[in-house]
Each structure stands twice: as structure tokens, then as C-alpha cells.
Protein backbone atom coordinates (compact mmCIF):
# COMPACT_ATOMS: atom_id res chain seq x y z
CA UNK A 1 6.90 7.25 21.58
CA UNK A 2 9.03 10.34 21.67
CA UNK A 3 7.47 13.56 20.81
CA UNK A 4 9.17 14.27 17.84
CA UNK A 5 7.50 11.08 16.28
CA UNK A 6 4.15 12.33 17.66
CA UNK A 7 5.07 15.65 15.57
CA UNK A 8 5.84 13.87 12.60
CA UNK A 9 2.70 11.77 12.39
CA UNK A 10 0.62 14.96 12.90
CA UNK A 11 2.26 16.95 10.10
CA UNK A 12 1.68 13.47 7.98
CA UNK A 13 -1.51 13.32 8.83
CA UNK A 14 -2.30 17.00 7.84
CA UNK A 15 -0.40 16.39 4.68
CA UNK A 16 -2.07 13.79 3.60
CA UNK A 17 -5.72 15.22 4.15
CA UNK A 18 -4.87 18.12 2.44
CA UNK A 19 -3.76 16.04 -0.51
CA UNK A 20 -7.21 13.97 -0.53
CA UNK A 21 -9.02 17.52 -0.47
CA UNK A 22 -7.65 18.42 -3.65
CA UNK A 23 -7.83 14.83 -5.79
CA UNK A 24 -11.12 14.64 -7.52
CA UNK A 25 -12.20 10.81 -7.14
CA UNK A 26 -15.38 9.42 -8.38
CA UNK A 27 -16.37 7.70 -4.90
CA UNK A 28 -20.16 6.29 -6.28
CA UNK A 29 -17.98 4.19 -8.75
CA UNK A 30 -15.85 3.05 -5.95
CA UNK A 31 -19.22 2.12 -3.78
CA UNK A 32 -20.34 0.14 -6.78
CA UNK A 33 -18.07 -1.87 -6.76
CA UNK A 34 -18.88 -5.14 -4.50
CA UNK A 35 -15.84 -7.17 -5.79
CA UNK A 36 -13.01 -4.99 -7.05
CA UNK A 37 -11.46 -8.12 -8.84
CA UNK A 38 -13.95 -8.38 -10.91
CA UNK A 39 -15.81 -5.29 -11.12
CA UNK A 40 -13.12 -3.49 -11.59
CA UNK A 41 -13.56 -3.73 -15.70
CA UNK A 42 -16.50 -1.20 -15.12
CA UNK A 43 -14.13 1.20 -13.43
CA UNK A 44 -13.33 4.37 -15.05
CA UNK A 45 -9.50 5.62 -14.14
CA UNK A 46 -9.95 8.70 -16.60
CA UNK A 47 -6.59 8.36 -17.63
CA UNK A 48 -7.17 8.63 -21.84
CA UNK A 49 -7.67 6.28 -24.65
CA UNK A 50 -7.15 2.94 -23.88
CA UNK A 51 -5.86 3.38 -20.43
CA UNK A 52 -8.63 1.66 -18.51
CA UNK A 53 -7.50 -1.75 -19.24
CA UNK A 54 -4.15 -1.03 -18.63
CA UNK A 55 -4.75 0.08 -15.20
CA UNK A 56 -7.53 -2.71 -14.42
CA UNK A 57 -4.44 -5.08 -15.69
CA UNK A 58 -2.13 -3.79 -12.90
CA UNK A 59 -4.76 -3.41 -10.31
CA UNK A 60 -5.75 -6.93 -10.51
CA UNK A 61 -2.15 -8.34 -10.78
CA UNK A 62 -0.99 -6.63 -7.82
CA UNK A 63 -4.16 -7.61 -5.79
CA UNK A 64 -3.83 -11.10 -7.01
CA UNK A 65 -0.21 -11.36 -5.65
CA UNK A 66 -1.25 -9.73 -2.38
CA UNK A 67 -3.71 -11.95 -1.85
CA UNK A 68 -1.70 -15.30 -2.63
CA UNK A 69 0.73 -14.11 -0.55
CA UNK A 70 -1.46 -13.63 2.39
CA UNK A 71 -2.72 -17.06 2.44
CA UNK A 72 -5.65 -16.06 4.55
CA UNK A 73 -7.86 -19.08 6.30
CA UNK A 74 -11.41 -19.01 7.92
CA UNK A 75 -11.58 -17.29 11.08
CA UNK A 76 -8.23 -15.37 10.65
CA UNK A 77 -7.90 -11.86 12.23
CA UNK A 78 -6.68 -9.20 9.89
CA UNK A 79 -5.43 -5.97 10.23
CA UNK A 80 -5.79 -3.57 7.07
CA UNK A 81 -3.24 -0.41 7.56
CA UNK A 82 -3.99 2.03 5.43
CA UNK A 83 -7.05 0.97 3.87
CA UNK A 84 -8.07 3.83 2.14
CA UNK A 85 -11.27 3.23 0.25
CA UNK A 86 -11.38 -0.76 1.37
CA UNK A 87 -11.07 -2.05 -2.02
CA UNK A 88 -8.99 -4.68 -0.70
CA UNK A 89 -11.27 -5.18 2.16
CA UNK A 90 -13.62 -5.76 -0.36
CA UNK A 91 -11.75 -8.48 -2.21
CA UNK A 92 -11.19 -10.15 0.99
CA UNK A 93 -14.35 -9.87 2.48
CA UNK A 94 -15.97 -11.26 -0.69
CA UNK A 95 -13.01 -14.42 -0.71
CA UNK A 96 -13.09 -15.21 2.84
CA UNK A 97 -16.21 -13.86 4.07
CA UNK A 98 -15.40 -15.34 7.90
CA UNK A 99 -12.37 -12.92 8.18
CA UNK A 100 -12.43 -10.68 10.98
CA UNK A 101 -11.16 -7.56 9.48
CA UNK A 102 -10.06 -4.36 11.10
CA UNK A 103 -9.36 -1.07 9.40
CA UNK A 104 -6.82 1.82 10.22
CA UNK A 105 -5.89 4.82 8.15
CA UNK A 106 -4.56 7.90 8.81
CA UNK A 107 -6.99 9.89 7.00
CA UNK A 108 -10.53 10.33 8.60
CA UNK A 109 -11.43 11.69 4.98
CA UNK A 110 -10.72 8.07 3.53
CA UNK A 111 -12.30 6.41 6.26
CA UNK A 112 -15.91 8.29 5.85
CA UNK A 113 -15.38 6.85 2.20
CA UNK A 114 -14.18 3.72 3.23
CA UNK A 115 -17.59 3.17 5.60
CA UNK A 116 -19.78 3.41 2.66
CA UNK A 117 -18.08 0.31 1.17
CA UNK A 118 -20.47 -2.14 2.67
CA UNK A 119 -17.80 -4.37 4.33
CA UNK A 120 -18.12 -4.82 7.81
CA UNK A 121 -15.10 -3.91 9.36
CA UNK A 122 -14.40 -1.63 12.16
CA UNK A 123 -12.38 1.40 11.21
CA UNK A 124 -10.45 4.03 13.10
CA UNK A 125 -8.25 7.10 12.66
CA UNK A 126 -4.61 5.82 13.73
CA UNK A 127 -1.03 5.84 12.72
CA UNK A 128 0.95 2.89 11.78
CA UNK A 129 3.40 3.58 14.12
CA UNK A 130 0.89 3.51 17.24
CA UNK A 131 -1.53 0.66 16.59
CA UNK A 132 -4.35 0.81 18.93
CA UNK A 133 -4.27 -2.71 19.58
CA UNK A 134 -3.27 -5.43 22.14
CA UNK A 135 -0.47 -7.35 21.63
CA UNK A 136 -0.46 -10.54 19.53
CA UNK A 137 -4.37 -10.24 18.26
CA UNK A 138 -4.03 -10.48 14.28
CA UNK A 139 -2.98 -13.60 12.32
CA UNK A 140 -2.78 -11.31 9.07
CA UNK A 141 -1.35 -7.79 8.31
CA UNK A 142 -2.00 -5.98 5.09
CA UNK A 143 -0.22 -2.55 4.50
CA UNK A 144 -0.64 -1.44 1.06
CA UNK A 145 1.33 1.67 -0.17
CA UNK A 146 1.91 3.01 3.41
CA UNK A 147 5.40 2.37 4.66
CA UNK A 148 7.00 5.18 2.14
CA UNK A 149 5.03 7.56 3.59
CA UNK A 150 5.44 6.63 7.53
CA UNK A 151 7.41 9.05 9.62
CA UNK A 152 9.23 6.10 11.22
CA UNK A 153 9.40 2.51 9.31
CA UNK A 154 11.23 0.92 11.96
CA UNK A 155 8.43 1.88 14.53
CA UNK A 156 5.81 0.66 11.98
CA UNK A 157 7.52 -2.73 11.90
CA UNK A 158 7.70 -3.15 15.43
CA UNK A 159 4.05 -2.42 16.21
CA UNK A 160 3.29 -4.83 13.49
CA UNK A 161 5.66 -7.41 15.16
CA UNK A 162 3.71 -6.70 18.73
CA UNK A 163 0.15 -7.11 17.45
CA UNK A 164 0.93 -9.85 14.93
CA UNK A 165 0.74 -13.78 16.53
CA UNK A 166 3.58 -15.78 16.49
CA UNK A 167 3.72 -16.95 13.18
CA UNK A 168 1.81 -14.52 11.93
CA UNK A 169 2.33 -12.94 8.12
CA UNK A 170 2.60 -9.25 7.44
CA UNK A 171 2.55 -8.47 3.44
CA UNK A 172 3.76 -4.78 3.03
CA UNK A 173 3.65 -3.30 -0.71
CA UNK A 174 5.56 -0.21 -1.91
CA UNK A 175 7.38 1.09 -4.65
CA UNK A 176 10.60 -0.43 -5.61
CA UNK A 177 13.44 2.56 -5.30
CA UNK A 178 15.71 0.48 -7.04
CA UNK A 179 14.13 0.34 -10.56
CA UNK A 180 15.80 2.03 -13.54
CA UNK A 181 12.20 3.69 -14.41
CA UNK A 182 12.63 7.44 -15.41
CA UNK A 183 9.90 8.27 -12.91
CA UNK A 184 12.01 6.73 -9.70
CA UNK A 185 15.69 8.01 -11.12
CA UNK A 186 15.00 11.44 -12.33
CA UNK A 187 11.74 13.04 -11.72
CA UNK A 188 11.85 15.17 -8.16
CA UNK A 189 9.99 13.56 -5.34
CA UNK A 190 7.11 16.10 -4.71
CA UNK A 191 6.76 16.56 -8.50
CA UNK A 192 6.21 13.10 -10.07
CA UNK A 193 3.61 13.27 -12.47
CA UNK A 194 3.72 9.38 -12.35
CA UNK A 195 3.06 9.36 -16.24
CA UNK A 196 -0.37 10.00 -16.20
CA UNK A 197 -2.68 12.59 -17.74
CA UNK A 198 -3.31 14.47 -14.38
CA UNK A 199 -0.75 16.08 -12.13
CA UNK A 200 -1.26 15.32 -8.08
CA UNK A 201 -0.53 17.93 -6.20
CA UNK A 202 1.47 16.44 -3.34
CA UNK A 203 2.15 18.72 -0.15
CA UNK A 204 5.65 19.16 0.59
CA UNK A 205 5.22 17.99 4.03
CA UNK A 206 3.93 14.54 2.98
CA UNK A 207 7.04 11.69 3.18
CA UNK A 208 7.49 9.63 0.06
CA UNK A 209 10.81 7.52 0.39
CA UNK A 210 10.35 3.84 -0.27
CA UNK A 211 12.66 1.91 1.64
CA UNK A 212 15.31 -0.12 -0.54
CA UNK A 213 14.90 -3.99 -0.06
CA UNK A 214 18.27 -4.49 2.21
CA UNK A 215 17.00 -1.41 4.55
CA UNK A 216 13.69 -3.02 4.98
CA UNK A 217 14.99 -6.49 5.40
CA UNK A 218 17.23 -4.85 8.05
CA UNK A 219 14.71 -2.89 9.86
CA UNK A 220 12.51 -6.08 9.69
CA UNK A 221 15.22 -7.89 11.35
CA UNK A 222 15.64 -5.42 14.03
CA UNK A 223 11.83 -5.25 14.54
CA UNK A 224 11.92 -9.14 15.09
CA UNK A 225 10.42 -9.95 11.84
CA UNK A 226 11.70 -12.30 9.32
CA UNK A 227 11.61 -11.59 5.77
CA UNK A 228 10.19 -14.59 3.90
CA UNK A 229 9.35 -13.25 0.44
CA UNK A 230 10.03 -10.40 -2.19
CA UNK A 231 7.96 -10.10 -4.98
CA UNK A 232 8.26 -7.80 -7.86
CA UNK A 233 5.76 -6.80 -10.17
CA UNK A 234 4.29 -3.81 -11.87
CA UNK A 235 6.92 -4.04 -15.03
CA UNK A 236 7.59 -0.76 -16.72
CA UNK A 237 4.38 0.32 -14.57
CA UNK A 238 4.77 4.19 -14.93
CA UNK A 239 6.91 3.82 -18.00
CA UNK A 240 4.07 2.24 -19.92
CA UNK A 241 1.45 4.70 -19.13
CA UNK A 242 3.28 7.19 -21.04
CA UNK A 243 5.32 5.37 -23.44
CA UNK A 244 3.17 2.52 -24.62
CA UNK A 245 2.99 3.92 -28.14
CA UNK A 246 7.02 3.23 -28.56
CA UNK A 247 6.21 -0.12 -28.35
CA UNK A 248 3.61 0.11 -31.56
CA UNK A 249 0.99 -2.10 -29.78
CA UNK A 250 -1.98 -1.11 -27.10
CA UNK A 251 -1.21 -0.08 -23.58
CA UNK A 252 -2.41 -3.63 -22.24
CA UNK A 253 -0.40 -5.74 -25.02
CA UNK A 254 2.72 -3.72 -23.67
CA UNK A 255 2.09 -4.24 -19.96
CA UNK A 256 1.31 -7.92 -20.11
CA UNK A 257 4.18 -8.59 -22.67
CA UNK A 258 6.66 -6.74 -19.96
CA UNK A 259 5.39 -8.77 -17.11
CA UNK A 260 7.46 -11.69 -18.32
CA UNK A 261 10.49 -9.41 -16.67
CA UNK A 262 9.02 -10.65 -13.50
CA UNK A 263 10.33 -14.24 -14.19
CA UNK A 264 14.09 -13.46 -14.00
CA UNK A 265 15.01 -12.05 -10.45
CA UNK A 266 17.73 -9.77 -11.58
CA UNK A 267 15.52 -7.90 -14.31
CA UNK A 268 12.85 -7.92 -11.88
CA UNK A 269 14.55 -5.90 -9.35
CA UNK A 270 15.57 -3.08 -12.07
CA UNK A 271 12.38 -3.06 -14.34
CA UNK A 272 9.42 -3.55 -11.83
CA UNK A 273 8.03 -0.37 -10.31
CA UNK A 274 6.40 -2.45 -7.36
CA UNK A 275 7.57 -4.84 -4.68
CA UNK A 276 5.72 -6.66 -1.82
CA UNK A 277 7.77 -7.98 1.39
CA UNK A 278 6.24 -11.15 2.83
CA UNK A 279 7.21 -10.79 6.55
CA UNK A 280 6.74 -13.52 9.39
CA UNK A 281 6.98 -13.12 13.24
CA UNK A 282 8.70 -16.07 14.23
CA UNK A 283 7.52 -18.71 16.55
CA UNK A 284 9.19 -19.18 19.97
CA UNK A 285 8.39 -22.95 19.68
CA UNK A 286 8.09 -24.55 16.33
CA UNK A 287 4.96 -25.72 15.27
CA UNK A 288 3.16 -24.57 18.26
CA UNK A 289 -0.62 -23.25 17.46
CA UNK A 290 -0.86 -19.66 17.66
CA UNK A 291 -2.50 -18.30 20.82
CA UNK A 292 -4.14 -15.22 19.66
CA UNK A 293 -5.99 -12.22 21.99
CA UNK A 294 -9.15 -11.19 21.11
CA UNK A 295 -9.07 -7.96 19.12
CA UNK A 296 -10.10 -5.08 20.56
CA UNK A 297 -9.26 -1.23 20.46
CA UNK A 298 -6.47 -0.52 23.03
CA UNK A 299 -4.43 2.63 24.00
CA UNK A 300 -2.05 3.49 21.08
CA UNK A 301 0.59 4.79 23.85
CA UNK A 302 0.29 1.78 26.89
CA UNK A 303 -1.66 -0.57 24.71
CA UNK A 304 -4.41 -1.30 27.67
CA UNK A 305 -7.89 -1.98 26.52
CA UNK A 306 -10.20 0.92 26.35
CA UNK A 307 -13.42 1.28 28.16
CA UNK A 308 -16.27 2.57 26.39
CA UNK A 309 -18.08 5.99 27.23
CA UNK A 310 -20.18 8.32 25.65
CA UNK A 311 -18.97 9.65 22.28
CA UNK A 312 -15.09 8.50 23.85
CA UNK A 313 -13.09 5.56 24.64
CA UNK A 314 -10.90 5.98 27.75
CA UNK A 315 -7.75 4.46 28.68
CA UNK A 316 -7.84 2.73 32.21
CA UNK A 317 -4.26 3.47 32.96
CA UNK A 318 -3.44 6.50 31.38
CA UNK A 319 -6.74 8.20 31.52
CA UNK A 320 -6.45 9.41 28.17
CA UNK A 321 -9.72 9.94 26.33
CA UNK A 322 -10.21 9.22 22.55
CA UNK A 323 -12.96 10.78 20.56
CA UNK A 324 -15.49 8.44 19.04
CA UNK A 325 -18.39 9.73 16.71
CA UNK A 326 -18.31 6.54 14.79
CA UNK A 327 -15.10 6.24 13.67
CA UNK A 328 -12.68 6.77 16.88
CA UNK A 329 -9.73 8.86 16.77
CA UNK A 330 -6.88 6.67 18.12
CA UNK A 331 -3.78 8.80 17.76
CA UNK A 332 -1.79 9.47 20.70
CA UNK A 333 -1.89 13.26 21.93
CA UNK A 334 1.28 14.67 22.22
CA UNK A 335 0.65 17.95 19.88
CA UNK A 336 -2.80 19.25 18.66
CA UNK A 337 -4.09 18.76 15.39
CA UNK A 338 -5.78 21.31 13.56
CA UNK A 339 -6.98 19.71 10.12
CA UNK A 340 -5.30 19.73 6.80
CA UNK A 341 -2.22 22.07 6.73
CA UNK A 342 -3.04 24.60 3.33
CA UNK A 343 0.06 26.12 3.87
CA UNK A 344 1.71 23.36 1.83
CA UNK A 345 -0.92 22.78 -0.82
CA UNK A 346 0.56 25.07 -3.18
CA UNK A 347 4.08 24.58 -2.72
CA UNK A 348 5.92 25.31 -5.95
CA UNK A 349 8.04 22.39 -5.74
CA UNK A 350 4.98 20.26 -6.79
CA UNK A 351 5.21 22.27 -9.99
CA UNK A 352 8.46 21.16 -11.14
CA UNK A 353 8.56 18.03 -13.59
CA UNK A 354 11.99 17.99 -13.32
CA UNK A 355 15.28 18.36 -11.05
CA UNK A 356 18.52 17.65 -12.48
CA UNK A 357 17.98 16.49 -15.94
CA UNK A 358 17.00 18.61 -19.13
CA UNK A 359 14.34 17.13 -21.09
CA UNK A 360 16.44 16.40 -23.70
CA UNK A 361 18.61 14.37 -21.32
CA UNK A 362 15.49 12.48 -19.79
CA UNK A 363 14.37 11.87 -23.53
CA UNK A 364 17.79 9.95 -24.17
CA UNK A 365 17.57 7.53 -21.17
CA UNK A 366 13.83 6.96 -21.75
CA UNK A 367 14.96 5.39 -24.94
CA UNK A 368 17.72 3.50 -23.40
CA UNK A 369 15.57 2.61 -20.74
CA UNK A 370 12.72 0.86 -23.30
CA UNK A 371 15.49 -0.76 -25.55
CA UNK A 372 16.87 -2.46 -22.10
CA UNK A 373 13.58 -3.43 -21.33
CA UNK A 374 13.22 -4.81 -24.62
CA UNK A 375 16.22 -6.60 -24.77
CA UNK A 376 15.58 -8.17 -21.31
CA UNK A 377 12.43 -9.38 -22.23
CA UNK A 378 13.23 -11.48 -24.89
CA UNK A 379 15.47 -13.34 -22.82
CA UNK A 380 12.89 -14.68 -19.98
CA UNK A 381 11.19 -17.67 -21.22
CA UNK A 382 7.93 -18.16 -19.36
CA UNK A 383 5.71 -21.42 -19.60
CA UNK A 384 2.99 -21.47 -22.44
CA UNK A 385 -0.40 -20.19 -20.29
CA UNK A 386 1.45 -19.47 -17.30
CA UNK A 387 0.63 -15.54 -16.35
CA UNK A 388 2.73 -15.13 -13.25
CA UNK A 389 5.33 -16.52 -11.68
CA UNK A 390 4.13 -15.58 -8.28
CA UNK A 391 0.81 -17.57 -8.53
CA UNK A 392 0.36 -21.19 -9.57
CA UNK A 393 -1.73 -22.01 -12.70
CA UNK A 394 -4.24 -23.95 -10.23
CA UNK A 395 -4.85 -21.01 -8.02
CA UNK A 396 -8.33 -19.94 -8.15
CA UNK A 397 -6.73 -16.22 -8.00
CA UNK A 398 -5.31 -17.02 -11.52
CA UNK A 399 -8.35 -16.05 -13.46
CA UNK A 400 -8.04 -12.61 -12.77
CA UNK A 401 -4.57 -12.81 -14.21
CA UNK A 402 -5.73 -12.69 -17.36
CA UNK A 403 -5.06 -9.62 -19.70
């Protein structure tokens, strides 16, 4: 790994810590959810009247689409990249108790919260561009809303290829940069309000660039991965959170109605705010059983298995020491890390609501966008009782798609 990439990872970590240090979040409510797919109904998103049901609906929908694409089996080893507060880990542990799950995140603050979630999953501070595991250790990799933030998406995909067994599956989710949503088209990167009642103060050094589908497919191919499936969902997700009243109905009813746009591949690309990529590491010999290496922490630089010492993990090859005080720090050291980068926490760019377009022009575009979405939705025909074209009606997870 180059010194430049090391430096980007270090600055990325600082910006993430700075961001989460300024975001108020009810950690006790998160901890009380043993199975978020079921328990999310009791969660308060603090986004205004009628919005809890709206965000619950989309959380369940996104989660079901992810879980159905992972195709988990008992005994699988799964790596959760960017685990956050462990909501996905809780769902997986509830549905598949025998999964051998390992979790990493760039933010120690998030991992400290995740550690109280009750999920039995080893956790480490690590970068997705330098995974601290040996080759061929995981059957599945999940990365939710991470690739748009990393310093090098190609490095991340190469690392995912390296740690996957042949035939292994990775599910990577991110925002859809091709969507016509006003939030995607016209709001500046560092000042997006996400059409919710609170404004997030995103540090200016934070990366927020979701790759286009063609770009990701090309990068995955370079990394050795095959793009097996693409799932667009979250139709009008950002738009309806602010403009559902224009539809003359509740936020939840509007969300469920426009979800039919997922059924048409052309409309899904331009009206869905989220996309999930299913990547497979091809087998050298078809139909051969995967040979998985036992999971253990390895040096993120040379991938040699680490040995345990007092309050540290040591690489026998390069003699690098990584501190371990309960949550090991497994980030390659090329540049020193001094904690949160406060210089970026009050960047004036965070306060700007719009860039090149005036409020009047944006309003005109919003009206056009809604009309286009309504017209497209009337053209979409879905089978009665089908809640998602991405999930079979007899799938046990389909029950969580009900509005």
C-alpha cells in the first residue's frame, strides 16, 4: 500500500470520528433491539410526524434485500465491513445463529457502541482497503454504505477478492448516483440535508462519492470479481421524506406505492436512490467445494497471522505491533493518527444548502421529478400480493416487507 493511500485512510478515519462525535443518537434504543427487522417498530427516528413508519419501512426493505442476496448457510464465515452499530449483525445472528461473523469499522467510537449490542462477533478497527485477515477466509462479505467513503474503491474490492473463498459472495450497498432525485442531482456533496429535519455536519475531508454501476463493474472485474446481480431499491427515498405531502397521502403509503418502480429495470435506475451489488469470486474449478482458511487476525500489510502479546498483536514477519485493549487497532501505520480532525468539523461548505441552482429552479425540478415518477409508477404492473420483485413470495423474509 502506498504512503498516499495510507494518508488518505488516516484522514478518512479522522473525518469519520469527527462526524460521529457530533451526531446525537439514542444508543440505548439501539441496544434494546435484539432483532432489528422485528424490533425496529419501536425505534424513534426523530424525523417528524409519521416518519417513523416511513423509515422503518425502508430499513426493513433494504435489510431484506441484503439478507436475501447473501444466501447464508449454517457454518458460513462472514465479514461485516463497516459494521456501524451492528444492526445487520443482529439480524444475521438472529436468523443464522451458527454464522461465524467478524466485524470491522474505521471508527472506534462505532465499535464501542457495537460491542454492547450483544452479538458475539470479534471486532477490530480496520480499513476496508487493508483487511486484517489471511487469504480465503470468508464465505460471505457484507459492506453496507461504505464503498462511497473509502479512499480507494479498487483497493477495497481487491481486498474483498483476497479474503473471499472461491465461489464466495459479497454484497455491497451504496447510493445510486444515476438517480434523478434532486438530492443526488443538485445538492452539494458536503451540505446534503438528506431531506430530513436535521442537518448533518459532514466534515469537509470526508469522501462521499458512490461509484456509477459501470464504474463499479469495471473495478470489480479488475479486482477479479464478477458482478452477478444488481438490485435497485429505495424509490424516491430521499424525495418523499420531504415531499410526501405533495402526494396527498401518508409517507408510508407513498413509499409503498412508489416501490413498484423497482419492478422496471429502466425506471429503477433513475428513481431508486439505493443500489445493491452482488459480487462473486469465481472458482478456478467449477463445482469444486470451497477450501476455507480458518479465520484469524492477520497483519494488514503482509497478511501474516498475528501472534498475541500483552495488550498487543504482533506480526512475526514485519514485527509490527498493533494495540489490543479489547478492540484491536489493525490499521497499517504509515502516518500517525492524532484523533478526530476538528479543523473540518465546522467547514462553511457544510452549511450551504445548494450549489449551482437557485431555490426556484430546484422547486421546478422537484415538481417535474414527482410528475415523472407518478407517470412511471402507473406503467409498472406487479402481481397482486407481491411485495418486492427482488424477494420470492415464499421467502421467509418476505413477511418483513409488509407496510
